[in-house]
Protein backbone atom coordinates (compact mmCIF):
# COMPACT_ATOMS: atom_id res chain seq x y z
CA MET A 1 -15.03 1.16 -11.04
CA ARG A 2 -14.62 4.77 -12.09
CA HIS A 3 -11.44 5.25 -10.07
CA SER A 4 -8.07 3.86 -11.14
CA THR A 5 -4.61 4.52 -9.75
CA SER A 6 -1.30 3.75 -11.41
CA ARG A 7 1.11 1.97 -9.09
CA LEU A 8 3.95 3.75 -10.89
CA PHE A 9 2.32 7.14 -10.23
CA LEU A 10 1.85 6.19 -6.58
CA ALA A 11 5.49 5.25 -6.18
CA SER A 12 6.79 8.39 -7.87
CA THR A 13 4.47 10.66 -5.88
CA LEU A 14 5.54 9.13 -2.59
CA ALA A 15 9.20 9.36 -3.54
CA LEU A 16 8.90 13.05 -4.31
CA LEU A 17 6.96 13.89 -1.18
CA LEU A 18 8.94 11.78 1.25
CA MET A 19 12.41 12.43 -0.18
CA GLY A 20 14.85 12.65 2.66
CA GLY A 21 12.53 10.90 5.14
CA ASN A 22 12.26 7.32 6.27
CA ALA A 23 10.76 5.06 3.62
CA LEU A 24 7.56 3.41 4.79
CA LEU A 25 7.81 0.45 2.45
CA GLN A 26 10.69 -1.66 3.71
CA ALA A 27 12.29 -3.96 1.15
CA GLN A 28 13.60 -7.47 1.65
CA SER A 29 15.65 -9.21 -0.99
CA VAL A 30 13.86 -11.73 -3.20
CA THR A 31 15.89 -13.37 -5.94
CA VAL A 32 13.34 -13.13 -8.73
CA PRO A 33 14.20 -10.64 -11.49
CA GLY A 34 11.62 -7.97 -12.30
CA TYR A 35 9.71 -8.18 -9.03
CA THR A 36 9.39 -5.53 -6.34
CA ALA A 37 10.38 -7.09 -3.04
CA SER A 38 8.48 -6.41 0.14
CA GLN A 39 8.41 -7.49 3.75
CA PRO A 40 6.84 -10.98 3.87
CA VAL A 41 3.13 -10.87 4.69
CA ALA A 42 1.29 -13.92 6.02
CA VAL A 43 -1.94 -14.48 4.08
CA ARG A 44 -4.71 -16.88 3.28
CA LEU A 45 -5.11 -16.56 -0.46
CA SER A 46 -8.20 -17.65 -2.37
CA VAL A 47 -7.28 -18.45 -5.98
CA SER A 48 -9.87 -19.75 -8.42
CA GLY A 49 -12.02 -20.92 -5.52
CA ARG A 50 -9.23 -22.67 -3.58
CA ASP A 51 -7.68 -21.38 -0.33
CA LYS A 52 -3.92 -21.42 0.18
CA ASP A 53 -1.95 -20.38 3.26
CA GLY A 54 1.44 -18.78 2.83
CA GLN A 55 3.26 -15.47 2.40
CA PHE A 56 3.45 -12.66 -0.10
CA VAL A 57 7.09 -11.73 -0.71
CA GLY A 58 6.84 -9.41 -3.72
CA ARG A 59 4.85 -8.47 -6.79
CA THR A 60 4.56 -6.74 -10.13
CA ASP A 61 1.43 -5.05 -11.44
CA ASP A 62 0.12 -8.35 -12.79
CA GLU A 63 1.69 -11.08 -10.66
CA LEU A 64 2.36 -11.86 -7.02
CA LEU A 65 5.24 -13.78 -5.51
CA PHE A 66 3.67 -16.28 -3.14
CA VAL A 67 5.43 -18.78 -0.90
CA ALA A 68 3.22 -21.66 0.24
CA GLY A 69 3.49 -22.30 3.97
CA THR A 70 6.52 -20.68 5.59
CA ALA A 71 9.30 -21.93 3.31
CA GLY A 72 9.98 -22.98 -0.24
CA GLN A 73 10.44 -21.30 -3.57
CA PRO A 74 8.16 -18.38 -4.49
CA ILE A 75 5.59 -19.05 -7.18
CA ARG A 76 4.03 -16.51 -9.51
CA VAL A 77 0.29 -15.96 -9.01
CA PRO A 78 -1.58 -13.86 -11.62
CA VAL A 79 -3.54 -11.07 -9.93
CA GLY A 80 -6.52 -11.79 -12.16
CA ARG A 81 -6.96 -15.26 -10.62
CA ILE A 82 -7.23 -13.99 -7.05
CA ASP A 83 -10.72 -14.05 -5.52
CA ARG A 84 -9.93 -12.64 -2.08
CA VAL A 85 -7.08 -12.13 0.38
CA TYR A 86 -7.07 -12.50 4.14
CA PHE A 87 -4.05 -10.92 5.82
CA GLU A 88 -2.94 -12.59 9.06
CA ILE A 89 -2.56 -9.37 11.04
CA GLN A 90 -2.51 -8.93 14.81
CA PRO A 91 -2.89 -5.29 15.92
CA PRO A 92 -2.31 -4.58 19.63
CA ARG A 93 -6.03 -4.32 20.35
CA ALA A 94 -6.00 -3.61 24.08
CA GLU A 95 -3.43 -0.81 23.85
CA LEU A 96 -5.11 0.51 20.71
CA ASN A 97 -8.52 0.62 22.41
CA ASP A 98 -7.01 2.54 25.33
CA ALA A 99 -5.42 5.09 22.98
CA VAL A 100 -8.67 5.61 21.07
CA ALA A 101 -10.69 5.91 24.28
CA ALA A 102 -8.25 8.60 25.47
CA GLN A 103 -8.38 10.26 22.03
CA ASN A 104 -4.62 9.92 21.85
CA TRP A 105 -4.79 9.76 18.08
CA GLY A 106 -1.09 10.07 17.39
CA HIS A 107 -0.31 7.10 19.62
CA ALA A 108 -3.15 5.08 18.09
CA GLY A 109 -1.76 5.74 14.63
CA ALA A 110 1.76 4.86 15.74
CA LEU A 111 0.51 1.53 17.09
CA LEU A 112 -1.13 0.62 13.79
CA LEU A 113 1.55 1.91 11.43
CA PRO A 114 3.97 -1.05 11.70
CA VAL A 115 1.02 -3.43 11.42
CA VAL A 116 -0.36 -1.99 8.19
CA ARG A 117 2.90 -0.91 6.55
CA PRO A 118 3.62 -4.31 4.93
CA LEU A 119 0.11 -4.42 3.44
CA LEU A 120 0.43 -1.30 1.29
CA PRO A 121 1.66 -2.98 -1.93
CA TYR A 122 -1.34 -5.33 -1.86
CA LEU A 123 -4.37 -3.14 -1.12
CA ASP A 124 -5.55 -3.32 -4.73
CA LEU A 125 -6.10 -7.08 -4.41
CA PRO A 126 -9.82 -7.91 -4.34
CA GLN A 127 -11.78 -8.41 -1.14
CA ASN A 128 -8.81 -8.02 1.19
CA ASN A 129 -9.26 -7.37 4.90
CA GLY A 130 -6.52 -4.75 5.13
CA VAL A 131 -8.27 -1.66 3.79
CA ASP A 132 -10.27 -0.83 6.92
CA LEU A 133 -7.24 -1.06 9.18
CA VAL A 134 -5.17 1.09 6.81
CA GLU A 135 -7.95 3.69 6.70
CA ASN A 136 -8.11 3.71 10.50
CA ALA A 137 -4.34 4.09 10.84
CA ALA A 138 -4.22 6.98 8.36
CA ASP A 139 -7.16 8.71 10.02
CA PHE A 140 -5.59 8.40 13.48
CA LEU A 141 -2.26 9.76 12.24
CA LEU A 142 -3.85 12.81 10.60
CA LYS A 143 -6.09 13.45 13.61
CA GLY A 144 -2.96 13.23 15.75
CA THR A 145 -1.61 16.42 14.16
CA ALA A 146 -2.55 20.02 14.93
CA PHE A 147 -4.23 20.25 11.51
CA ARG A 148 -8.00 20.38 11.35
CA LEU A 149 -9.60 20.83 7.95
CA ALA A 150 -12.49 22.98 9.18
CA ALA A 151 -10.32 25.28 11.30
CA GLU A 152 -10.21 28.95 10.36
CA ASP A 153 -6.41 28.97 10.29
CA HIS A 154 -3.86 26.25 9.66
CA PRO A 155 -0.66 26.88 11.62
CA LYS A 156 2.62 25.35 10.53
CA LEU A 157 2.97 21.81 11.82
CA SER A 158 5.62 20.70 14.25
CA GLU A 159 8.29 18.29 13.06
CA ALA A 160 6.48 15.39 14.74
CA ASP A 161 3.18 16.38 13.14
CA VAL A 162 4.83 16.63 9.72
CA GLY A 163 5.98 13.04 10.14
CA ARG A 164 2.45 11.94 11.04
CA ALA A 165 0.91 13.84 8.12
CA LYS A 166 3.41 12.33 5.68
CA ALA A 167 2.66 8.86 6.99
CA ALA A 168 -1.08 9.55 6.71
CA PHE A 169 -0.60 10.69 3.11
CA THR A 170 1.29 7.52 2.28
CA LEU A 171 -1.40 5.30 3.78
CA PHE A 172 -4.30 7.20 2.23
CA ARG A 173 -2.62 7.25 -1.17
CA ALA A 174 -2.00 3.50 -1.01
CA LEU A 175 -5.61 3.00 0.06
CA GLY A 176 -6.57 4.76 -3.15
CA THR A 177 -5.31 1.76 -5.11
CA ALA A 178 -8.18 -0.31 -3.68
CA THR A 179 -10.48 0.46 -6.60
CA TRP A 180 -12.63 -2.58 -5.71
CA SER A 181 -13.59 -1.00 -2.36
CA GLU A 182 -15.67 2.04 -1.45
CA LEU A 183 -12.68 3.11 0.65
CA GLY A 184 -10.53 3.57 -2.46
CA PRO A 185 -12.01 7.00 -3.33
CA VAL A 186 -11.91 7.89 0.37
CA GLY A 187 -8.18 7.22 0.36
CA LEU A 188 -7.60 9.37 -2.71
CA THR A 189 -9.66 12.24 -1.31
CA ARG A 190 -8.10 12.19 2.11
CA SER A 191 -4.60 12.00 0.67
CA ALA A 192 -5.39 15.46 -0.73
CA GLU A 193 -6.43 16.50 2.78
CA ALA A 194 -3.07 15.29 4.09
CA LEU A 195 -1.35 17.39 1.44
CA LEU A 196 -3.22 20.44 2.75
CA ALA A 197 -1.97 19.61 6.23
CA LEU A 198 1.56 19.60 4.81
CA GLY A 199 1.01 22.98 3.14
CA ARG A 200 1.03 21.47 -0.37
CA ARG A 201 -2.06 23.25 -1.72
CA GLU A 202 -1.06 23.04 -5.39
CA MET A 203 -0.48 19.29 -5.15
CA ALA A 204 -3.82 18.90 -3.36
CA ASP A 205 -5.56 20.88 -6.12
CA GLU A 206 -4.02 18.69 -8.81
CA LEU A 207 -4.99 15.51 -7.00
CA ILE A 208 -8.59 16.47 -6.22
CA GLU A 209 -9.20 17.47 -9.84
CA LYS A 210 -8.34 13.91 -10.90
CA ILE A 211 -10.90 12.34 -8.57
CA ALA A 212 -14.36 11.68 -9.99
CA GLU A 213 -17.25 13.17 -8.03
CA PRO A 214 -18.78 10.50 -5.79
CA PHE A 215 -22.44 9.63 -6.02
CA PRO A 216 -24.81 10.22 -3.07
CA GLY A 217 -24.48 7.39 -0.59
CA GLU A 218 -20.90 6.53 -1.50
CA ALA A 219 -18.40 6.50 1.35
CA ALA A 220 -16.35 9.35 -0.13
CA MET A 221 -19.30 11.73 -0.46
CA GLY A 222 -18.76 13.57 2.81
CA CYS A 223 -14.98 13.91 2.81
CA TYR A 224 -14.91 14.85 -0.90
CA TRP A 225 -17.40 17.71 -0.67
CA LEU A 226 -16.09 18.95 2.67
CA LEU A 227 -12.61 19.12 1.16
CA ARG A 228 -13.98 20.96 -1.87
CA SER A 229 -15.82 23.32 0.45
CA ARG A 230 -12.78 24.14 2.54
CA MET A 231 -10.65 24.75 -0.55
CA ALA A 232 -13.24 27.19 -1.89
CA TYR A 233 -13.53 28.78 1.55
CA ALA A 234 -9.77 29.32 1.71
CA ASP A 235 -10.05 31.16 -1.62
CA ALA A 236 -12.90 33.36 -0.26
CA ARG A 237 -15.35 31.77 -2.73
CA TYR A 238 -18.03 31.57 -0.07
CA ALA A 239 -20.99 30.82 -2.33
CA ASP A 240 -19.12 27.87 -3.87
CA ALA A 241 -17.98 26.74 -0.44
CA LEU A 242 -21.57 26.86 0.81
CA ASP A 243 -22.79 24.78 -2.12
CA SER A 244 -20.14 22.11 -1.51
CA ALA A 245 -20.79 22.06 2.24
CA ALA A 246 -24.51 21.64 1.57
CA ARG A 247 -23.76 18.59 -0.59
CA ALA A 248 -21.65 17.08 2.17
CA VAL A 249 -24.41 17.65 4.70
CA ALA A 250 -27.29 16.50 2.52
CA PHE A 251 -25.89 13.38 0.88
CA ALA A 252 -23.11 12.02 3.07
CA ASN A 253 -23.39 9.54 5.89
CA LYS A 254 -23.67 11.52 9.11
CA ASP A 255 -20.11 10.86 10.26
CA ILE A 256 -19.33 12.42 13.65
CA ASP A 257 -16.03 13.81 12.36
CA MET A 258 -17.32 15.17 9.05
CA PHE A 259 -20.92 16.23 9.70
CA PRO A 260 -20.32 18.93 12.38
CA ASP A 261 -17.44 20.39 10.35
CA ALA A 262 -19.58 20.58 7.21
CA LEU A 263 -22.36 22.33 9.13
CA LEU A 264 -19.85 24.70 10.73
CA THR A 265 -18.40 25.55 7.33
CA SER A 266 -21.86 26.34 5.96
CA ALA A 267 -22.50 28.65 8.92
CA ARG A 268 -19.19 30.45 8.36
CA CYS A 269 -20.12 30.91 4.71
CA TYR A 270 -23.51 32.36 5.65
CA GLU A 271 -21.76 34.76 8.00
CA HIS A 272 -19.29 35.91 5.34
CA LEU A 273 -22.21 36.36 2.94
CA GLU A 274 -23.91 38.47 5.65
CA SER A 275 -26.83 36.08 5.91
CA TYR A 276 -26.71 36.37 9.68
CA TYR A 277 -30.04 34.75 10.49
CA ARG A 278 -29.08 31.58 8.65
CA ALA A 279 -25.62 31.66 10.21
CA ARG A 280 -27.22 31.99 13.65
CA ASP A 281 -29.56 29.06 13.03
CA VAL A 282 -26.78 26.71 11.89
CA TYR A 283 -24.34 27.79 14.61
CA TYR A 284 -27.07 27.13 17.16
CA GLU A 285 -27.71 23.60 15.91
CA VAL A 286 -23.99 22.74 15.77
CA ALA A 287 -23.41 24.07 19.29
CA ARG A 288 -26.51 22.27 20.61
CA LEU A 289 -26.00 18.92 18.89
CA PHE A 290 -22.20 18.61 19.05
CA PRO A 291 -21.10 20.42 22.23
CA SER A 292 -18.07 18.19 22.86
CA THR A 293 -16.56 18.57 19.38
CA PRO A 294 -14.19 21.30 18.14
CA ALA A 295 -16.94 22.36 15.71
CA GLY A 296 -19.40 22.74 18.57
CA GLY A 297 -17.02 24.92 20.55
CA GLU A 298 -16.26 27.14 17.57
CA ALA A 299 -19.95 27.43 16.70
CA LEU A 300 -20.66 28.65 20.22
CA VAL A 301 -18.01 31.35 19.92
CA HIS A 302 -19.41 32.70 16.65
CA LEU A 303 -23.00 32.37 17.84
CA ARG A 304 -22.19 34.56 20.83
CA ALA A 305 -20.45 37.11 18.59
CA ILE A 306 -23.51 37.40 16.31
CA HIS A 307 -25.82 37.61 19.32
CA ASP A 308 -23.77 40.24 21.17
CA ALA A 309 -23.39 42.37 18.03
CA GLY A 310 -27.17 42.47 17.63
CA LEU A 311 -26.96 41.22 14.05
CA THR A 312 -30.17 39.20 14.44
CA GLN A 313 -31.92 41.50 16.90
CA LYS A 314 -34.48 42.68 14.35
CA GLU A 315 -37.39 40.27 14.07
CA GLU A 316 -37.06 38.08 11.01
CA GLU A 317 -39.96 37.69 8.62
CA THR A 318 -41.67 34.37 9.38
CA PRO A 319 -41.12 31.82 6.58
CA LEU A 320 -44.30 30.80 4.77
CA VAL A 321 -43.72 27.14 5.58
CA ASN A 322 -43.78 27.94 9.32
CA ILE A 323 -47.10 29.72 8.96
CA PHE A 324 -48.56 26.80 7.00
CA PHE A 325 -47.55 24.22 9.63
CA GLY A 326 -48.30 26.46 12.59
CA VAL A 327 -44.69 26.54 13.76
CA GLN A 328 -43.85 29.33 16.18
CA GLU A 329 -40.37 29.73 17.59
CA ASN A 330 -38.20 32.56 18.79
CA MET A 331 -34.66 31.67 17.75
CA ASN A 332 -33.11 34.61 19.58
CA ARG A 333 -34.69 33.41 22.82
CA ARG A 334 -33.40 29.89 22.25
CA VAL A 335 -29.93 31.25 21.48
CA SER A 336 -29.94 33.33 24.67
CA THR A 337 -30.92 30.28 26.70
CA LEU A 338 -28.07 28.26 25.22
CA LEU A 339 -25.49 31.01 25.67
CA ASN A 340 -26.53 31.62 29.29
CA ALA A 341 -25.90 27.96 30.04
CA VAL A 342 -22.24 27.95 28.98
CA PRO A 343 -19.19 30.03 29.94
CA ILE A 344 -18.04 32.89 27.73
CA ARG A 345 -15.24 32.14 25.30
CA ASN A 346 -13.22 34.53 23.20
CA VAL A 347 -13.65 34.61 19.43
CA GLN A 348 -10.67 32.88 17.83
């Protein structure tokens, strides 16, 4: 893998960021010198092709402390001998499903946090089943704040939202240690997003510069280039922001959370670059395709502003490709039809 994360760097970064807050990694005493203790975690461990049931009770970079069954003396297991790990975890599925269905993201994240917290020291272990749940918990916690990456402004977070963003950072950063998984780079990238939510732009810049660019088709492609785009946008580098947004749109999986925001960002860039016809076209598609998302609502607001200001009133020269394929469409008419079908909103 091209991504590697030092456990020492992870620990020091978390300590600096969360100083004065509640530690998310809760220690329990284990009488083995040189090992970092952790809350016992029930696992089925596959070592050199053989499955063993027991508990993790601590680790170093190279060795795990493993107790077979539920009692007995801990034994040292070299990390290099581990084939896969199955954590015996039981999230509250019914309550979690209700929270997600209601889009109560903060509550959903709070339900998962105590479940995934003990797994964080072990996410680098190969083929473990904890990474997806950790990614979900971190995503819910960040979505449960007032921060939205593609928003035009980022107001200061409430105390409760700061706590959620810090927890999301911790989970995403730990997820970044899973270099064996495609979610590892996602964790690193989105930990930088959590830093932006916390107002730590310089730290986010430093972190994102250390992350290798993902290849098309990789899980991190969308979040990486959207983050790059929004950073450039915040610096008024609209051409660079447009380029990064285009990469997110073209090469990423069409994630319902990322894709509308990347399209919206590209439209905002077109508008700032005074390419109003292109801005109109993209705003129209975002508003039409994603009406129930924040991006769709914002696109509608800006589409109406462009329309009412007459910025695309003059007939645009027909692109050659449309002539070749016999395509005839009046975008202004389509925009008017869409705008007449929805109530007027104020530009934010």
